[in-house]
Amino acid sequence: MKRSLKLVIKFIQIFFALCLSAFISGCAPKTYEKNQSYFILIKTPLLKYADLGYIRSTSDEVRVDLFIAGQLIQSIEIDTLVCVNEGCLTKSAFNKAYLHESYPKNLLLNVLLGRPIFAKASFELTSLGFRQVLQSSEYNIEYKVENGEIFFKDSHNKLKIKIFKN
């Protein structure tokens, strides 16, 4: 009886130690491969910003910190969800609320990382990078990544994102 009680206690100790280590590692700060300051312009119906910011990223995650006069005013973190100061949303729900519901779920992630959008539709290499012009009844997008600068404009939905080194 005493031996089985000791085993149960040992099991509980190991279980709590594993739970604690999982909790602590889950709260550990993320390590990003890139960390760069940029001038960032974002103009959407819910976000209007033009000033310096930081973009921290890995190949499939990004965090954008937006500052005005040295004060952090907005963070956008994209991994499996898109999190802003107001809370976290699925990528599709974020697009519907902040951008446009017809956009692919990874559009903002790809734009912030300077990668092709819409599965490379209308993709054209240029001498300085690439550009895409995409039109439908729901959007009219001009997107280009050239010389390290990112420019995204949807004239139909009045959205604009411009990112360049300061």
N, C-alpha and C. Protein backbone atom coordinates (compact mmCIF):
# COMPACT_ATOMS: atom_id res chain seq x y z
N MET A 1 0.83 -1.20 0.00
CA MET A 1 0.00 0.00 0.00
C MET A 1 0.87 1.26 0.00
N LYS A 2 1.90 1.28 0.89
CA LYS A 2 2.77 2.44 0.96
C LYS A 2 3.54 2.61 -0.34
N ARG A 3 3.92 1.50 -0.96
CA ARG A 3 4.67 1.58 -2.21
C ARG A 3 3.81 2.17 -3.33
N SER A 4 2.56 1.77 -3.44
CA SER A 4 1.67 2.31 -4.47
C SER A 4 1.38 3.79 -4.21
N LEU A 5 1.29 4.19 -2.96
CA LEU A 5 1.08 5.60 -2.62
C LEU A 5 2.29 6.42 -3.03
N LYS A 6 3.50 5.86 -2.79
CA LYS A 6 4.73 6.54 -3.20
C LYS A 6 4.78 6.69 -4.72
N LEU A 7 4.36 5.68 -5.45
CA LEU A 7 4.34 5.75 -6.93
C LEU A 7 3.36 6.82 -7.41
N VAL A 8 2.20 6.88 -6.78
CA VAL A 8 1.21 7.89 -7.15
C VAL A 8 1.75 9.29 -6.89
N ILE A 9 2.37 9.49 -5.73
CA ILE A 9 2.95 10.79 -5.39
C ILE A 9 4.06 11.14 -6.38
N LYS A 10 4.92 10.18 -6.71
CA LYS A 10 5.99 10.42 -7.68
C LYS A 10 5.41 10.79 -9.06
N PHE A 11 4.36 10.08 -9.47
CA PHE A 11 3.71 10.38 -10.74
C PHE A 11 3.15 11.80 -10.73
N ILE A 12 2.51 12.19 -9.65
CA ILE A 12 1.94 13.55 -9.55
C ILE A 12 3.04 14.59 -9.60
N GLN A 13 4.16 14.34 -8.94
CA GLN A 13 5.28 15.28 -8.97
C GLN A 13 5.82 15.44 -10.39
N ILE A 14 5.99 14.34 -11.07
CA ILE A 14 6.49 14.39 -12.46
C ILE A 14 5.49 15.11 -13.35
N PHE A 15 4.22 14.81 -13.18
CA PHE A 15 3.17 15.45 -13.98
C PHE A 15 3.19 16.96 -13.78
N PHE A 16 3.24 17.43 -12.54
CA PHE A 16 3.27 18.86 -12.27
C PHE A 16 4.54 19.52 -12.79
N ALA A 17 5.67 18.81 -12.69
CA ALA A 17 6.92 19.35 -13.22
C ALA A 17 6.84 19.52 -14.73
N LEU A 18 6.25 18.55 -15.43
CA LEU A 18 6.07 18.66 -16.88
C LEU A 18 5.12 19.79 -17.23
N CYS A 19 4.03 19.90 -16.50
CA CYS A 19 3.06 20.98 -16.75
C CYS A 19 3.71 22.34 -16.53
N LEU A 20 4.48 22.48 -15.47
CA LEU A 20 5.14 23.75 -15.17
C LEU A 20 6.16 24.10 -16.25
N SER A 21 6.94 23.12 -16.71
CA SER A 21 7.92 23.42 -17.76
C SER A 21 7.24 23.76 -19.07
N ALA A 22 6.12 23.12 -19.37
CA ALA A 22 5.37 23.46 -20.58
C ALA A 22 4.80 24.86 -20.48
N PHE A 23 4.30 25.22 -19.31
CA PHE A 23 3.75 26.56 -19.11
C PHE A 23 4.83 27.61 -19.24
N ILE A 24 5.98 27.38 -18.62
CA ILE A 24 7.07 28.36 -18.66
C ILE A 24 7.60 28.50 -20.09
N SER A 25 7.79 27.40 -20.79
CA SER A 25 8.31 27.51 -22.16
C SER A 25 7.29 28.12 -23.10
N GLY A 26 6.01 27.93 -22.82
CA GLY A 26 4.96 28.54 -23.64
C GLY A 26 4.92 30.04 -23.47
N CYS A 27 5.39 30.55 -22.34
CA CYS A 27 5.40 31.98 -22.07
C CYS A 27 6.73 32.62 -22.41
N ALA A 28 7.67 31.83 -22.87
CA ALA A 28 8.99 32.37 -23.20
C ALA A 28 8.87 33.29 -24.41
N PRO A 29 9.67 34.35 -24.44
CA PRO A 29 9.61 35.26 -25.59
C PRO A 29 10.05 34.54 -26.86
N LYS A 30 9.43 34.91 -27.97
CA LYS A 30 9.78 34.30 -29.25
C LYS A 30 11.11 34.84 -29.73
N THR A 31 11.84 34.01 -30.44
CA THR A 31 13.09 34.42 -31.05
C THR A 31 12.85 34.58 -32.54
N TYR A 32 13.04 35.79 -33.03
CA TYR A 32 12.83 36.07 -34.44
C TYR A 32 14.15 36.09 -35.17
N GLU A 33 14.14 35.63 -36.44
CA GLU A 33 15.35 35.60 -37.25
C GLU A 33 15.74 37.00 -37.72
N LYS A 34 14.74 37.81 -38.05
CA LYS A 34 14.98 39.17 -38.53
C LYS A 34 14.33 40.17 -37.59
N ASN A 35 15.01 41.30 -37.41
CA ASN A 35 14.49 42.38 -36.57
C ASN A 35 14.98 43.68 -37.19
N GLN A 36 14.09 44.41 -37.85
CA GLN A 36 14.51 45.57 -38.63
C GLN A 36 13.52 46.71 -38.43
N SER A 37 14.03 47.94 -38.37
CA SER A 37 13.14 49.10 -38.32
C SER A 37 12.85 49.56 -39.74
N TYR A 38 11.62 50.04 -39.94
CA TYR A 38 11.15 50.50 -41.24
C TYR A 38 10.25 51.71 -41.06
N PHE A 39 10.07 52.45 -42.14
CA PHE A 39 8.97 53.39 -42.19
C PHE A 39 7.79 52.59 -42.71
N ILE A 40 6.69 52.61 -41.99
CA ILE A 40 5.53 51.79 -42.33
C ILE A 40 4.31 52.68 -42.49
N LEU A 41 3.64 52.53 -43.61
CA LEU A 41 2.37 53.21 -43.83
C LEU A 41 1.32 52.13 -43.99
N ILE A 42 0.29 52.20 -43.18
CA ILE A 42 -0.84 51.27 -43.29
C ILE A 42 -2.11 52.11 -43.30
N LYS A 43 -2.88 51.95 -44.34
CA LYS A 43 -4.15 52.68 -44.43
C LYS A 43 -5.24 51.67 -44.78
N THR A 44 -6.06 51.35 -43.79
CA THR A 44 -7.22 50.48 -43.97
C THR A 44 -8.38 51.17 -43.27
N PRO A 45 -9.60 50.66 -43.44
CA PRO A 45 -10.71 51.30 -42.72
C PRO A 45 -10.52 51.33 -41.19
N LEU A 46 -9.85 50.33 -40.61
CA LEU A 46 -9.69 50.28 -39.15
C LEU A 46 -8.29 50.66 -38.67
N LEU A 47 -7.30 50.64 -39.54
CA LEU A 47 -5.93 50.98 -39.16
C LEU A 47 -5.43 52.12 -40.04
N LYS A 48 -4.97 53.17 -39.40
CA LYS A 48 -4.35 54.27 -40.12
C LYS A 48 -3.07 54.61 -39.38
N TYR A 49 -1.94 54.43 -40.06
CA TYR A 49 -0.66 54.59 -39.40
C TYR A 49 0.39 54.97 -40.43
N ALA A 50 1.26 55.89 -40.05
CA ALA A 50 2.41 56.26 -40.88
C ALA A 50 3.52 56.77 -39.98
N ASP A 51 4.49 55.94 -39.70
CA ASP A 51 5.62 56.33 -38.86
C ASP A 51 6.60 55.16 -38.82
N LEU A 52 7.59 55.26 -37.96
CA LEU A 52 8.56 54.19 -37.82
C LEU A 52 7.95 53.01 -37.08
N GLY A 53 8.42 51.83 -37.44
CA GLY A 53 7.97 50.62 -36.78
C GLY A 53 9.03 49.56 -36.92
N TYR A 54 8.83 48.47 -36.20
CA TYR A 54 9.73 47.33 -36.27
C TYR A 54 9.00 46.13 -36.81
N ILE A 55 9.68 45.41 -37.68
CA ILE A 55 9.15 44.14 -38.18
C ILE A 55 10.12 43.06 -37.74
N ARG A 56 9.60 42.13 -36.96
CA ARG A 56 10.37 40.99 -36.49
C ARG A 56 9.74 39.76 -37.14
N SER A 57 10.57 38.86 -37.66
CA SER A 57 9.97 37.75 -38.40
C SER A 57 10.82 36.49 -38.39
N THR A 58 10.13 35.40 -38.65
CA THR A 58 10.73 34.12 -39.02
C THR A 58 10.13 33.82 -40.39
N SER A 59 10.32 32.62 -40.88
CA SER A 59 9.79 32.30 -42.21
C SER A 59 8.26 32.19 -42.22
N ASP A 60 7.63 31.97 -41.06
CA ASP A 60 6.17 31.82 -41.06
C ASP A 60 5.46 32.59 -39.95
N GLU A 61 6.18 33.49 -39.28
CA GLU A 61 5.59 34.33 -38.25
C GLU A 61 6.13 35.74 -38.41
N VAL A 62 5.31 36.71 -38.03
CA VAL A 62 5.77 38.10 -38.09
C VAL A 62 5.12 38.88 -36.95
N ARG A 63 5.87 39.84 -36.44
CA ARG A 63 5.35 40.77 -35.44
C ARG A 63 5.73 42.16 -35.90
N VAL A 64 4.73 43.03 -35.96
CA VAL A 64 4.94 44.41 -36.33
C VAL A 64 4.60 45.27 -35.12
N ASP A 65 5.55 46.09 -34.70
CA ASP A 65 5.31 47.03 -33.61
C ASP A 65 5.31 48.43 -34.21
N LEU A 66 4.22 49.14 -34.01
CA LEU A 66 4.04 50.47 -34.59
C LEU A 66 4.17 51.52 -33.48
N PHE A 67 5.00 52.51 -33.72
CA PHE A 67 5.30 53.54 -32.73
C PHE A 67 4.92 54.92 -33.27
N ILE A 68 4.51 55.79 -32.39
CA ILE A 68 4.36 57.21 -32.70
C ILE A 68 5.05 57.96 -31.57
N ALA A 69 5.99 58.83 -31.94
CA ALA A 69 6.78 59.60 -30.97
C ALA A 69 7.39 58.69 -29.90
N GLY A 70 7.87 57.54 -30.32
CA GLY A 70 8.54 56.62 -29.42
C GLY A 70 7.63 55.79 -28.54
N GLN A 71 6.33 55.94 -28.69
CA GLN A 71 5.37 55.19 -27.88
C GLN A 71 4.75 54.08 -28.73
N LEU A 72 4.77 52.85 -28.22
CA LEU A 72 4.14 51.73 -28.91
C LEU A 72 2.63 51.95 -28.91
N ILE A 73 2.04 52.02 -30.11
CA ILE A 73 0.58 52.24 -30.19
C ILE A 73 -0.17 51.02 -30.69
N GLN A 74 0.51 50.13 -31.40
CA GLN A 74 -0.18 48.96 -31.96
C GLN A 74 0.84 47.87 -32.23
N SER A 75 0.47 46.65 -31.91
CA SER A 75 1.26 45.48 -32.29
C SER A 75 0.37 44.57 -33.11
N ILE A 76 0.94 44.02 -34.15
CA ILE A 76 0.25 43.03 -34.98
C ILE A 76 1.16 41.81 -35.00
N GLU A 77 0.64 40.70 -34.51
CA GLU A 77 1.42 39.47 -34.48
C GLU A 77 0.68 38.40 -35.27
N ILE A 78 1.38 37.82 -36.23
CA ILE A 78 0.77 36.82 -37.10
C ILE A 78 1.53 35.51 -36.97
N ASP A 79 0.84 34.48 -36.53
CA ASP A 79 1.34 33.11 -36.63
C ASP A 79 0.15 32.27 -37.04
N THR A 80 -0.41 31.45 -36.20
CA THR A 80 -1.63 30.73 -36.60
C THR A 80 -2.84 31.65 -36.52
N LEU A 81 -2.78 32.67 -35.66
CA LEU A 81 -3.82 33.69 -35.55
C LEU A 81 -3.21 35.04 -35.85
N VAL A 82 -4.04 36.04 -36.00
CA VAL A 82 -3.57 37.42 -36.12
C VAL A 82 -4.01 38.13 -34.84
N CYS A 83 -3.03 38.61 -34.09
CA CYS A 83 -3.33 39.28 -32.83
C CYS A 83 -2.99 40.76 -32.94
N VAL A 84 -3.92 41.59 -32.54
CA VAL A 84 -3.74 43.03 -32.45
C VAL A 84 -4.07 43.43 -31.02
N ASN A 85 -3.93 44.71 -30.69
CA ASN A 85 -4.19 45.15 -29.33
C ASN A 85 -5.59 44.77 -28.86
N GLU A 86 -6.54 44.71 -29.78
CA GLU A 86 -7.93 44.44 -29.43
C GLU A 86 -8.20 42.95 -29.19
N GLY A 87 -7.29 42.08 -29.58
CA GLY A 87 -7.47 40.65 -29.38
C GLY A 87 -7.00 39.87 -30.60
N CYS A 88 -7.23 38.56 -30.58
CA CYS A 88 -6.77 37.68 -31.65
C CYS A 88 -7.95 37.19 -32.49
N LEU A 89 -7.67 37.04 -33.78
CA LEU A 89 -8.66 36.56 -34.75
C LEU A 89 -8.01 35.52 -35.64
N THR A 90 -8.84 34.67 -36.24
CA THR A 90 -8.31 33.82 -37.30
C THR A 90 -7.88 34.73 -38.44
N LYS A 91 -7.05 34.23 -39.31
CA LYS A 91 -6.58 35.05 -40.43
C LYS A 91 -7.74 35.49 -41.32
N SER A 92 -8.68 34.59 -41.57
CA SER A 92 -9.84 34.93 -42.39
C SER A 92 -10.70 35.98 -41.72
N ALA A 93 -10.92 35.85 -40.41
CA ALA A 93 -11.71 36.83 -39.68
C ALA A 93 -11.00 38.18 -39.64
N PHE A 94 -9.67 38.17 -39.52
CA PHE A 94 -8.91 39.41 -39.56
C PHE A 94 -9.07 40.09 -40.92
N ASN A 95 -8.92 39.31 -41.99
CA ASN A 95 -9.10 39.89 -43.32
C ASN A 95 -10.47 40.53 -43.47
N LYS A 96 -11.49 39.84 -43.01
CA LYS A 96 -12.86 40.35 -43.13
C LYS A 96 -13.02 41.65 -42.33
N ALA A 97 -12.46 41.72 -41.14
CA ALA A 97 -12.61 42.89 -40.29
C ALA A 97 -11.70 44.05 -40.69
N TYR A 98 -10.45 43.76 -41.07
CA TYR A 98 -9.46 44.81 -41.27
C TYR A 98 -9.07 45.07 -42.72
N LEU A 99 -9.19 44.05 -43.58
CA LEU A 99 -8.74 44.19 -44.96
C LEU A 99 -9.92 43.98 -45.91
N HIS A 100 -10.03 42.77 -46.48
CA HIS A 100 -11.18 42.42 -47.32
C HIS A 100 -11.38 40.92 -47.27
N GLU A 101 -12.61 40.50 -47.18
CA GLU A 101 -12.91 39.08 -47.00
C GLU A 101 -12.51 38.19 -48.17
N SER A 102 -12.31 38.77 -49.35
CA SER A 102 -11.94 37.96 -50.51
C SER A 102 -10.44 37.63 -50.55
N TYR A 103 -9.66 38.25 -49.69
CA TYR A 103 -8.21 38.01 -49.70
C TYR A 103 -7.87 36.63 -49.15
N PRO A 104 -6.80 36.01 -49.67
CA PRO A 104 -6.32 34.75 -49.10
C PRO A 104 -5.91 34.98 -47.65
N LYS A 105 -6.02 33.94 -46.83
CA LYS A 105 -5.79 34.11 -45.39
C LYS A 105 -4.38 34.57 -45.04
N ASN A 106 -3.38 34.25 -45.85
CA ASN A 106 -2.00 34.66 -45.54
C ASN A 106 -1.56 35.92 -46.26
N LEU A 107 -2.50 36.69 -46.78
CA LEU A 107 -2.12 37.88 -47.55
C LEU A 107 -1.27 38.84 -46.73
N LEU A 108 -1.72 39.23 -45.54
CA LEU A 108 -0.97 40.20 -44.75
C LEU A 108 0.40 39.66 -44.37
N LEU A 109 0.49 38.41 -43.98
CA LEU A 109 1.78 37.80 -43.65
C LEU A 109 2.72 37.89 -44.85
N ASN A 110 2.23 37.52 -46.03
CA ASN A 110 3.07 37.54 -47.23
C ASN A 110 3.48 38.96 -47.61
N VAL A 111 2.58 39.92 -47.48
CA VAL A 111 2.93 41.31 -47.79
C VAL A 111 4.00 41.80 -46.82
N LEU A 112 3.81 41.58 -45.54
CA LEU A 112 4.79 42.05 -44.54
C LEU A 112 6.15 41.39 -44.72
N LEU A 113 6.18 40.16 -45.23
CA LEU A 113 7.44 39.46 -45.48
C LEU A 113 7.96 39.69 -46.90
N GLY A 114 7.22 40.44 -47.72
CA GLY A 114 7.66 40.73 -49.08
C GLY A 114 7.63 39.53 -50.00
N ARG A 115 6.66 38.65 -49.80
CA ARG A 115 6.53 37.45 -50.63
C ARG A 115 5.36 37.61 -51.59
N PRO A 116 5.37 36.85 -52.69
CA PRO A 116 4.24 36.92 -53.62
C PRO A 116 2.91 36.58 -52.93
N ILE A 117 1.84 37.14 -53.47
CA ILE A 117 0.50 36.92 -52.93
C ILE A 117 -0.36 36.20 -53.96
N PHE A 118 -1.53 35.76 -53.55
CA PHE A 118 -2.50 35.10 -54.43
C PHE A 118 -1.83 33.99 -55.25
N ALA A 119 -1.03 33.15 -54.58
CA ALA A 119 -0.36 32.01 -55.22
C ALA A 119 0.39 32.41 -56.49
N LYS A 120 1.04 33.57 -56.43
CA LYS A 120 1.85 34.11 -57.54
C LYS A 120 1.05 34.44 -58.80
N ALA A 121 -0.24 34.67 -58.67
CA ALA A 121 -1.05 35.05 -59.84
C ALA A 121 -0.51 36.36 -60.40
N SER A 122 -0.44 36.46 -61.72
CA SER A 122 0.06 37.64 -62.43
C SER A 122 1.44 38.08 -61.95
N PHE A 123 2.25 37.13 -61.58
CA PHE A 123 3.59 37.39 -61.06
C PHE A 123 4.51 37.78 -62.21
N GLU A 124 5.25 38.87 -62.02
CA GLU A 124 6.17 39.34 -63.06
C GLU A 124 7.48 39.75 -62.40
N LEU A 125 8.57 39.10 -62.79
CA LEU A 125 9.89 39.51 -62.31
C LEU A 125 10.27 40.83 -62.95
N THR A 126 10.87 41.71 -62.16
CA THR A 126 11.40 42.97 -62.69
C THR A 126 12.90 42.99 -62.42
N SER A 127 13.57 43.98 -62.93
CA SER A 127 15.02 44.06 -62.70
C SER A 127 15.35 44.34 -61.23
N LEU A 128 14.38 44.83 -60.47
CA LEU A 128 14.61 45.18 -59.06
C LEU A 128 13.89 44.27 -58.08
N GLY A 129 13.07 43.32 -58.56
CA GLY A 129 12.31 42.45 -57.67
C GLY A 129 11.16 41.79 -58.42
N PHE A 130 9.94 42.06 -57.97
CA PHE A 130 8.77 41.54 -58.67
C PHE A 130 7.57 42.44 -58.47
N ARG A 131 6.56 42.22 -59.30
CA ARG A 131 5.31 42.95 -59.15
C ARG A 131 4.15 42.05 -59.56
N GLN A 132 2.98 42.37 -59.02
CA GLN A 132 1.76 41.66 -59.35
C GLN A 132 0.64 42.70 -59.49
N VAL A 133 -0.16 42.55 -60.52
CA VAL A 133 -1.35 43.37 -60.71
C VAL A 133 -2.51 42.39 -60.77
N LEU A 134 -3.44 42.53 -59.83
CA LEU A 134 -4.55 41.58 -59.69
C LEU A 134 -5.87 42.34 -59.70
N GLN A 135 -6.77 41.91 -60.56
CA GLN A 135 -8.05 42.58 -60.66
C GLN A 135 -9.19 41.57 -60.65
N SER A 136 -10.25 41.93 -59.96
CA SER A 136 -11.49 41.16 -59.96
C SER A 136 -12.61 42.14 -59.61
N SER A 137 -13.81 41.63 -59.50
CA SER A 137 -14.91 42.51 -59.11
C SER A 137 -14.80 42.93 -57.64
N GLU A 138 -13.93 42.24 -56.85
CA GLU A 138 -13.80 42.54 -55.42
C GLU A 138 -12.52 43.31 -55.05
N TYR A 139 -11.57 43.41 -55.96
CA TYR A 139 -10.33 44.12 -55.65
C TYR A 139 -9.64 44.57 -56.92
N ASN A 140 -8.77 45.56 -56.76
CA ASN A 140 -7.91 46.06 -57.83
C ASN A 140 -6.55 46.33 -57.18
N ILE A 141 -5.69 45.31 -57.21
CA ILE A 141 -4.45 45.32 -56.43
C ILE A 141 -3.23 45.56 -57.31
N GLU A 142 -2.40 46.48 -56.85
CA GLU A 142 -1.06 46.65 -57.38
C GLU A 142 -0.12 46.33 -56.22
N TYR A 143 0.78 45.37 -56.43
CA TYR A 143 1.69 44.93 -55.39
C TYR A 143 3.07 44.78 -55.99
N LYS A 144 4.04 45.39 -55.34
CA LYS A 144 5.41 45.23 -55.83
C LYS A 144 6.39 45.21 -54.67
N VAL A 145 7.41 44.41 -54.86
CA VAL A 145 8.52 44.32 -53.91
C VAL A 145 9.77 44.55 -54.74
N GLU A 146 10.38 45.71 -54.54
CA GLU A 146 11.54 46.09 -55.33
C GLU A 146 12.54 46.84 -54.45
N ASN A 147 13.80 46.49 -54.58
CA ASN A 147 14.87 47.13 -53.81
C ASN A 147 14.60 47.14 -52.31
N GLY A 148 14.00 46.10 -51.79
CA GLY A 148 13.73 46.02 -50.37
C GLY A 148 12.53 46.83 -49.91
N GLU A 149 11.82 47.48 -50.85
CA GLU A 149 10.62 48.23 -50.51
C GLU A 149 9.39 47.43 -50.90
N ILE A 150 8.36 47.54 -50.07
CA ILE A 150 7.11 46.81 -50.30
C ILE A 150 6.01 47.83 -50.51
N PHE A 151 5.24 47.63 -51.57
CA PHE A 151 4.13 48.52 -51.87
C PHE A 151 2.92 47.67 -52.24
N PHE A 152 1.84 47.84 -51.49
CA PHE A 152 0.58 47.12 -51.73
C PHE A 152 -0.53 48.16 -51.76
N LYS A 153 -1.30 48.15 -52.83
CA LYS A 153 -2.42 49.09 -52.94
C LYS A 153 -3.60 48.39 -53.58
N ASP A 154 -4.74 48.45 -52.91
CA ASP A 154 -6.00 47.97 -53.46
C ASP A 154 -6.89 49.19 -53.63
N SER A 155 -6.93 49.72 -54.84
CA SER A 155 -7.69 50.95 -55.08
C SER A 155 -9.20 50.73 -54.97
N HIS A 156 -9.67 49.51 -55.19
CA HIS A 156 -11.09 49.21 -55.08
C HIS A 156 -11.56 49.30 -53.63
N ASN A 157 -10.75 48.79 -52.70
CA ASN A 157 -11.12 48.76 -51.28
C ASN A 157 -10.43 49.83 -50.44
N LYS A 158 -9.69 50.72 -51.09
CA LYS A 158 -9.02 51.83 -50.43
C LYS A 158 -8.08 51.36 -49.31
N LEU A 159 -7.22 50.41 -49.67
CA LEU A 159 -6.21 49.88 -48.75
C LEU A 159 -4.82 50.19 -49.29
N LYS A 160 -3.92 50.49 -48.38
CA LYS A 160 -2.55 50.78 -48.81
C LYS A 160 -1.58 50.36 -47.71
N ILE A 161 -0.53 49.67 -48.11
CA ILE A 161 0.56 49.31 -47.20
C ILE A 161 1.86 49.62 -47.93
N LYS A 162 2.70 50.39 -47.28
CA LYS A 162 4.00 50.73 -47.85
C LYS A 162 5.04 50.57 -46.76
N ILE A 163 6.11 49.85 -47.08
CA ILE A 163 7.16 49.56 -46.11
C ILE A 163 8.50 49.81 -46.78
N PHE A 164 9.33 50.64 -46.15
CA PHE A 164 10.67 50.83 -46.68
C PHE A 164 11.62 51.19 -45.55
N LYS A 165 12.89 50.92 -45.79
CA LYS A 165 13.91 51.20 -44.77
C LYS A 165 14.02 52.71 -44.59
N ASN A 166 14.18 53.10 -43.33
CA ASN A 166 14.25 54.54 -43.03
C ASN A 166 15.64 55.08 -43.15
